[in-house]
Protein backbone atom coordinates (compact mmCIF):
# COMPACT_ATOMS: atom_id res chain seq x y z
CA UNK A 1 -44.51 56.29 29.87
CA UNK A 2 -41.52 56.12 27.47
CA UNK A 3 -41.99 55.01 23.87
CA UNK A 4 -40.99 51.49 22.92
CA UNK A 5 -38.18 50.78 20.74
CA UNK A 6 -39.43 50.78 17.00
CA UNK A 7 -39.09 47.70 14.75
CA UNK A 8 -39.68 47.13 10.85
CA UNK A 9 -39.33 43.38 9.52
CA UNK A 10 -38.45 43.15 5.99
CA UNK A 11 -39.17 39.57 4.27
CA UNK A 12 -41.40 39.14 7.37
CA UNK A 13 -43.33 36.04 5.98
CA UNK A 14 -45.74 35.45 8.85
CA UNK A 15 -43.54 37.17 11.04
CA UNK A 16 -41.69 34.89 13.39
CA UNK A 17 -38.86 37.12 14.07
CA UNK A 18 -40.72 40.25 14.53
CA UNK A 19 -43.01 38.46 17.20
CA UNK A 20 -40.14 37.71 19.06
CA UNK A 21 -39.13 41.49 19.39
CA UNK A 22 -43.07 42.04 19.78
CA UNK A 23 -42.97 39.50 23.02
CA UNK A 24 -39.80 41.50 24.15
CA UNK A 25 -41.68 44.62 24.17
CA UNK A 26 -40.91 46.37 21.06
CA UNK A 27 -43.15 47.97 18.69
CA UNK A 28 -43.58 46.41 15.78
CA UNK A 29 -44.67 48.76 13.19
CA UNK A 30 -44.30 47.36 9.80
CA UNK A 31 -43.94 43.98 8.11
CA UNK A 32 -42.71 43.83 4.34
CA UNK A 33 -43.48 40.69 1.94
CA UNK A 34 -44.83 39.44 -1.23
CA UNK A 35 -46.81 36.91 0.02
CA UNK A 36 -50.52 37.95 0.55
CA UNK A 37 -51.50 35.34 3.14
CA UNK A 38 -48.33 35.65 4.99
CA UNK A 39 -49.21 39.35 5.22
CA UNK A 40 -52.52 38.71 6.66
CA UNK A 41 -51.18 36.43 9.06
CA UNK A 42 -48.54 39.34 10.10
CA UNK A 43 -50.80 42.21 10.25
CA UNK A 44 -53.03 39.99 12.70
CA UNK A 45 -50.73 39.02 14.91
CA UNK A 46 -48.35 42.05 15.74
CA UNK A 47 -50.58 44.53 17.79
CA UNK A 48 -51.02 47.67 15.45
CA UNK A 49 -48.56 46.81 13.01
CA UNK A 50 -49.15 47.49 9.27
CA UNK A 51 -48.35 44.87 6.61
CA UNK A 52 -47.07 45.90 3.00
CA UNK A 53 -47.11 43.98 -0.51
CA UNK A 54 -43.87 45.28 -1.96
CA UNK A 55 -41.46 43.65 -4.57
CA UNK A 56 -38.11 43.99 -2.69
CA UNK A 57 -36.13 42.96 -6.17
CA UNK A 58 -37.34 46.50 -7.23
CA UNK A 59 -35.17 48.84 -5.18
CA UNK A 60 -37.42 51.73 -5.96
CA UNK A 61 -39.98 50.19 -3.64
CA UNK A 62 -37.39 51.37 -0.68
CA UNK A 63 -38.59 54.73 -1.17
CA UNK A 64 -42.39 53.40 -0.45
CA UNK A 65 -41.30 52.27 2.94
CA UNK A 66 -39.08 55.61 3.72
CA UNK A 67 -42.53 57.52 2.95
CA UNK A 68 -44.63 55.80 4.99
CA UNK A 69 -42.67 56.16 7.88
CA UNK A 70 -42.08 59.86 7.43
CA UNK A 71 -45.61 60.20 6.68
CA UNK A 72 -46.19 58.44 10.01
CA UNK A 73 -43.59 60.27 12.00
CA UNK A 74 -41.98 56.82 12.95
CA UNK A 75 -38.20 56.95 13.84
CA UNK A 76 -36.83 53.54 13.08
CA UNK A 77 -34.66 52.05 15.92
CA UNK A 78 -34.43 48.24 14.48
CA UNK A 79 -34.33 46.65 11.15
CA UNK A 80 -34.96 42.88 11.05
CA UNK A 81 -35.31 40.84 8.24
CA UNK A 82 -34.38 37.22 6.85
CA UNK A 83 -33.93 37.47 3.06
CA UNK A 84 -34.65 34.44 1.44
CA UNK A 85 -31.35 32.59 0.82
CA UNK A 86 -31.65 32.61 -3.06
CA UNK A 87 -30.85 36.06 -2.69
CA UNK A 88 -27.44 35.35 -1.84
CA UNK A 89 -24.44 34.29 -4.51
CA UNK A 90 -22.14 32.49 -2.16
CA UNK A 91 -19.73 31.56 -5.08
CA UNK A 92 -17.98 33.19 -7.75
CA UNK A 93 -16.91 36.94 -8.20
CA UNK A 94 -18.79 39.46 -6.02
CA UNK A 95 -21.56 41.10 -8.59
CA UNK A 96 -23.79 43.26 -6.37
CA UNK A 97 -26.03 43.61 -9.67
CA UNK A 98 -26.42 39.56 -9.27
CA UNK A 99 -30.46 39.27 -8.79
CA UNK A 100 -29.57 36.56 -6.42
CA UNK A 101 -27.98 39.38 -4.39
CA UNK A 102 -30.42 42.03 -4.54
CA UNK A 103 -33.02 40.70 -2.11
CA UNK A 104 -30.22 41.28 0.33
CA UNK A 105 -28.95 44.63 -0.81
CA UNK A 106 -32.58 45.95 -0.19
CA UNK A 107 -31.81 45.72 3.61
CA UNK A 108 -28.57 47.23 3.12
CA UNK A 109 -30.14 50.22 1.18
CA UNK A 110 -32.87 50.61 3.59
CA UNK A 111 -30.58 50.68 6.60
CA UNK A 112 -28.45 53.24 4.76
CA UNK A 113 -31.34 55.33 4.25
CA UNK A 114 -33.14 55.10 7.66
CA UNK A 115 -30.11 54.85 9.84
CA UNK A 116 -31.67 52.53 12.43
CA UNK A 117 -29.74 52.06 15.61
CA UNK A 118 -29.33 48.35 15.18
CA UNK A 119 -29.91 45.86 11.98
CA UNK A 120 -30.75 42.18 12.80
CA UNK A 121 -30.37 39.66 9.88
CA UNK A 122 -31.20 36.16 9.86
CA UNK A 123 -30.23 33.16 7.48
CA UNK A 124 -28.92 29.76 6.99
CA UNK A 125 -25.96 28.23 8.54
CA UNK A 126 -24.33 28.14 4.82
CA UNK A 127 -23.59 31.49 5.10
CA UNK A 128 -20.89 31.12 7.73
CA UNK A 129 -20.12 27.77 6.36
CA UNK A 130 -19.92 27.48 2.83
CA UNK A 131 -17.08 28.58 0.74
CA UNK A 132 -15.33 29.81 3.80
CA UNK A 133 -18.19 31.96 4.72
CA UNK A 134 -18.04 34.21 1.71
CA UNK A 135 -21.58 35.18 2.28
CA UNK A 136 -21.38 36.26 5.55
CA UNK A 137 -18.15 38.52 4.60
CA UNK A 138 -20.04 40.19 2.24
CA UNK A 139 -22.94 40.94 4.81
CA UNK A 140 -20.34 42.35 7.21
CA UNK A 141 -18.31 44.47 4.63
CA UNK A 142 -21.60 45.82 2.92
CA UNK A 143 -23.14 46.74 6.52
CA UNK A 144 -19.41 48.38 7.35
CA UNK A 145 -19.35 50.49 4.67
CA UNK A 146 -22.84 52.11 5.87
CA UNK A 147 -21.48 52.53 9.40
CA UNK A 148 -22.66 48.99 11.04
CA UNK A 149 -20.40 47.02 12.80
CA UNK A 150 -21.67 43.35 12.31
CA UNK A 151 -21.47 40.17 14.34
CA UNK A 152 -22.83 36.89 13.26
CA UNK A 153 -23.46 34.23 15.44
CA UNK A 154 -24.67 30.19 14.94
CA UNK A 155 -27.58 29.84 17.15
CA UNK A 156 -29.00 26.29 18.13
CA UNK A 157 -32.80 26.48 18.99
CA UNK A 158 -32.82 23.88 21.67
CA UNK A 159 -30.28 25.68 23.74
CA UNK A 160 -32.84 28.43 23.91
CA UNK A 161 -35.67 26.47 25.23
CA UNK A 162 -37.17 25.52 21.69
CA UNK A 163 -38.36 22.16 20.94
CA UNK A 164 -36.63 21.82 17.32
CA UNK A 165 -33.53 20.87 16.03
CA UNK A 166 -32.99 24.24 14.20
CA UNK A 167 -29.62 26.26 13.43
CA UNK A 168 -29.81 29.55 12.12
CA UNK A 169 -27.28 32.30 11.84
CA UNK A 170 -28.21 35.68 13.07
CA UNK A 171 -26.10 38.94 12.24
CA UNK A 172 -26.49 41.71 14.93
CA UNK A 173 -25.12 45.15 13.58
CA UNK A 174 -24.55 48.04 15.62
CA UNK A 175 -24.54 51.68 13.96
CA UNK A 176 -21.30 53.92 14.74
CA UNK A 177 -20.32 51.70 17.48
CA UNK A 178 -16.97 50.54 18.89
CA UNK A 179 -18.59 48.02 20.66
CA UNK A 180 -19.27 44.47 19.30
CA UNK A 181 -22.99 42.97 20.05
CA UNK A 182 -22.45 39.97 22.58
CA UNK A 183 -25.19 37.14 21.92
CA UNK A 184 -27.06 35.73 24.76
CA UNK A 185 -25.80 32.73 26.33
CA UNK A 186 -27.46 29.52 25.90
CA UNK A 187 -29.26 28.62 29.07
CA UNK A 188 -30.70 25.10 28.42
CA UNK A 189 -28.40 22.21 28.57
CA UNK A 190 -28.65 18.92 26.66
CA UNK A 191 -30.38 16.68 29.34
CA UNK A 192 -33.17 19.32 30.00
CA UNK A 193 -34.08 20.12 26.10
CA UNK A 194 -37.77 20.99 25.65
CA UNK A 195 -38.96 17.64 23.83
CA UNK A 196 -41.92 17.13 21.23
CA UNK A 197 -44.04 15.49 23.72
CA UNK A 198 -43.35 18.26 26.21
CA UNK A 199 -44.39 20.74 23.19
CA UNK A 200 -47.36 19.06 21.75
CA UNK A 201 -48.61 16.62 24.03
CA UNK A 202 -51.54 18.42 25.50
CA UNK A 203 -53.24 19.04 21.85
CA UNK A 204 -56.12 16.97 20.60
CA UNK A 205 -54.94 13.54 18.98
CA UNK A 206 -57.65 14.00 16.21
CA UNK A 207 -58.25 10.31 16.61
CA UNK A 208 -61.19 8.50 16.94
CA UNK A 209 -61.69 5.92 20.10
CA UNK A 210 -61.14 3.25 17.14
CA UNK A 211 -57.93 4.92 16.17
CA UNK A 212 -59.37 6.43 12.96
CA UNK A 213 -57.63 9.97 12.10
CA UNK A 214 -60.18 12.86 11.81
CA UNK A 215 -60.08 16.36 10.46
CA UNK A 216 -61.17 18.29 13.83
CA UNK A 217 -62.76 21.37 14.30
CA UNK A 218 -61.60 24.68 13.63
CA UNK A 219 -61.81 25.74 16.92
CA UNK A 220 -61.17 23.05 19.59
CA UNK A 221 -60.51 22.31 23.53
CA UNK A 222 -57.46 21.48 24.81
CA UNK A 223 -57.44 17.76 26.35
CA UNK A 224 -55.87 18.72 29.54
CA UNK A 225 -54.54 21.21 31.85
CA UNK A 226 -50.98 22.12 30.78
CA UNK A 227 -48.40 19.62 31.94
CA UNK A 228 -45.30 21.74 31.78
CA UNK A 229 -43.90 25.22 31.87
CA UNK A 230 -43.73 25.17 27.58
CA UNK A 231 -47.19 24.21 27.50
CA UNK A 232 -48.08 26.91 30.09
CA UNK A 233 -46.14 29.36 27.87
CA UNK A 234 -47.61 28.71 24.85
CA UNK A 235 -51.52 28.73 26.31
CA UNK A 236 -50.77 31.92 28.35
CA UNK A 237 -53.20 34.01 26.18
CA UNK A 238 -55.32 31.38 24.47
CA UNK A 239 -58.39 29.43 25.70
CA UNK A 240 -58.85 27.27 22.49
CA UNK A 241 -56.75 25.53 19.99
CA UNK A 242 -56.58 26.92 16.42
CA UNK A 243 -55.25 25.60 13.13
CA UNK A 244 -55.44 22.06 14.38
CA UNK A 245 -56.77 20.60 11.30
CA UNK A 246 -55.78 17.07 10.49
CA UNK A 247 -54.75 15.64 7.07
CA UNK A 248 -55.55 12.17 6.55
CA UNK A 249 -52.91 10.10 4.93
CA UNK A 250 -53.81 7.74 2.04
CA UNK A 251 -53.70 3.93 3.25
CA UNK A 252 -50.65 3.27 1.86
CA UNK A 253 -48.70 6.07 3.85
CA UNK A 254 -50.58 5.06 7.19
CA UNK A 255 -49.49 1.61 6.75
CA UNK A 256 -45.79 2.52 5.99
CA UNK A 257 -45.77 4.95 8.76
CA UNK A 258 -47.17 2.54 11.39
CA UNK A 259 -44.23 0.57 10.75
CA UNK A 260 -41.74 3.39 11.48
CA UNK A 261 -40.58 3.56 15.30
CA UNK A 262 -40.40 6.87 16.58
CA UNK A 263 -37.06 8.69 15.87
CA UNK A 264 -36.73 6.60 12.71
CA UNK A 265 -37.43 7.29 9.22
CA UNK A 266 -37.69 5.13 5.73
CA UNK A 267 -34.68 3.45 6.56
CA UNK A 268 -36.33 1.58 9.55
CA UNK A 269 -38.93 -0.32 7.22
CA UNK A 270 -39.01 -4.20 6.95
CA UNK A 271 -36.73 -5.34 4.10
CA UNK A 272 -39.63 -5.66 1.50
CA UNK A 273 -40.23 -2.12 1.49
CA UNK A 274 -36.88 -0.70 1.71
CA UNK A 275 -36.46 0.37 -2.16
CA UNK A 276 -39.94 2.19 -1.97
CA UNK A 277 -38.50 5.59 -0.98
CA UNK A 278 -35.46 7.69 -2.00
CA UNK A 279 -35.83 10.96 -0.46
CA UNK A 280 -33.54 11.06 2.54
CA UNK A 281 -36.26 12.48 5.20
CA UNK A 282 -39.15 10.25 4.07
CA UNK A 283 -41.29 8.79 6.79
CA UNK A 284 -39.69 10.56 9.51
CA UNK A 285 -41.21 9.96 12.70
CA UNK A 286 -40.12 12.75 15.52
CA UNK A 287 -39.32 11.23 18.74
CA UNK A 288 -41.28 11.85 21.90
CA UNK A 289 -38.42 12.41 24.12
CA UNK A 290 -36.41 14.75 21.90
CA UNK A 291 -36.92 18.07 20.29
CA UNK A 292 -38.32 17.48 16.94
CA UNK A 293 -36.75 17.66 13.38
CA UNK A 294 -36.29 21.14 11.67
CA UNK A 295 -40.01 21.97 10.73
CA UNK A 296 -40.23 22.31 6.97
CA UNK A 297 -42.67 24.00 4.85
CA UNK A 298 -45.27 21.22 4.43
CA UNK A 299 -43.29 18.60 2.51
CA UNK A 300 -45.57 15.84 4.16
CA UNK A 301 -42.23 13.75 4.90
CA UNK A 302 -42.39 14.21 8.91
CA UNK A 303 -44.78 12.55 11.20
CA UNK A 304 -46.05 12.61 14.64
CA UNK A 305 -44.32 10.69 17.46
CA UNK A 306 -47.25 8.73 18.47
CA UNK A 307 -49.92 9.17 15.30
CA UNK A 308 -49.81 7.94 12.01
CA UNK A 309 -50.45 11.26 10.31
CA UNK A 310 -48.44 14.55 9.54
CA UNK A 311 -48.18 17.33 12.33
CA UNK A 312 -51.14 19.97 12.14
CA UNK A 313 -50.11 23.61 11.49
CA UNK A 314 -50.57 24.18 15.22
CA UNK A 315 -48.30 21.48 16.40
CA UNK A 316 -45.66 22.48 13.64
CA UNK A 317 -46.12 26.09 15.04
CA UNK A 318 -45.89 24.78 18.72
CA UNK A 319 -42.31 23.04 17.96
CA UNK A 320 -41.27 26.31 16.27
CA UNK A 321 -42.51 28.31 19.60
CA UNK A 322 -45.24 30.23 18.24
CA UNK A 323 -47.79 30.84 20.84
CA UNK A 324 -51.12 29.61 20.78
CA UNK A 325 -52.80 33.15 20.49
CA UNK A 326 -50.71 33.43 17.11
CA UNK A 327 -53.50 32.56 14.42
CA UNK A 328 -52.15 31.72 10.77
CA UNK A 329 -54.31 32.60 7.79
CA UNK A 330 -54.67 31.34 4.31
CA UNK A 331 -55.14 27.58 2.80
CA UNK A 332 -53.57 24.66 4.90
CA UNK A 333 -50.57 24.53 2.38
CA UNK A 334 -49.91 28.38 2.82
CA UNK A 335 -50.03 28.14 6.70
CA UNK A 336 -47.39 25.27 6.43
CA UNK A 337 -45.22 27.33 4.46
CA UNK A 338 -45.56 30.39 6.90
CA UNK A 339 -44.74 28.17 9.57
CA UNK A 340 -41.60 26.16 8.35
CA UNK A 341 -39.92 29.55 6.82
CA UNK A 342 -40.15 31.52 10.10
CA UNK A 343 -37.90 32.27 12.34
CA UNK A 344 -38.99 30.48 15.96
CA UNK A 345 -40.25 33.68 17.87
CA UNK A 346 -38.48 32.75 21.05
CA UNK A 347 -35.11 32.57 19.34
CA UNK A 348 -36.11 36.15 18.06
CA UNK A 349 -37.18 37.11 21.70
CA UNK A 350 -33.97 36.30 23.40
CA UNK A 351 -31.72 38.27 20.82
CA UNK A 352 -34.37 41.37 21.15
CA UNK A 353 -33.96 41.32 24.72
CA UNK A 354 -30.23 41.20 24.68
CA UNK A 355 -30.22 44.29 22.16
CA UNK A 356 -32.19 46.54 24.60
CA UNK A 357 -28.81 46.78 26.49
CA UNK A 358 -27.29 48.32 23.38
CA UNK A 359 -30.30 50.69 22.12
CA UNK A 360 -30.52 54.02 23.27
CA UNK A 361 -32.99 57.26 23.62
CA UNK A 362 -36.47 55.09 24.27
CA UNK A 363 -37.15 52.93 27.33
């Protein structure tokens, strides 16, 4: 049996992007991050992958990664990563020593050392939209200097079957190639987007018969058979629900959200409550018949389309396209942060599948 293409994930977090590669049949060998809880989650959800805690502001740590792969006799095929967007300076003169740039530069330096066949870098839409796209131009130029032809594209998650309004920029670079990477075409039209209800409607409500919100158990049963293809996909390798622990809001919040119709926010409150909230996403209730808003890192500003509580970690993970067998570790706030910071695995997967057409020498 031929070997799988190998993959290393820098700035891995919990590993949403690399889980997409794993589900596409790649051998994810290593995840690198500086967050202990996220690394525990990464290691538990990517087969035999190892995790490594390294500060990538310190470029000497690139040697640690190179030495580890050499010791294991691993030849890297694809380097993936989502450097934190604070690591990019998108204004002013180019300064490769700028601390904000150094996280991103770690990816360039590692690619230069390891010479993988391809590099996949994911980031915020501002990279191609702000200041004439100077951030994207820098990425393309820097990788060109070390032999990679980088192609950027803005991908919209609902177009690829993900029940969440999320736009992310992907850069795919091919080494020593005359060919530009062609991104996978969108395959879901607006009328058929997977909705919030499609995504999480089979999960326990965490409500008593009297309507009181409860915490729920660490491991729970599904309340029904899968109702649609998305739920079947999410439940494919799981028989129970994990990470589905409720957060009971204070009475004031519960009362306020009960006044907000689905798909609306604090602006829909009765006039006497209009001045209470200033944050533009406050009391945002998802719409059951549409994809959810972009999942955040647990700001407690988003609410279930039906129940007067914030979505659980599992509900947020479902909306991000993490399958139910992907278990999150750490305390609840760490888990929310892992989910919110992640690339939707299904978005990573469609890119990973397409990329196989451009890789050589393994499968």
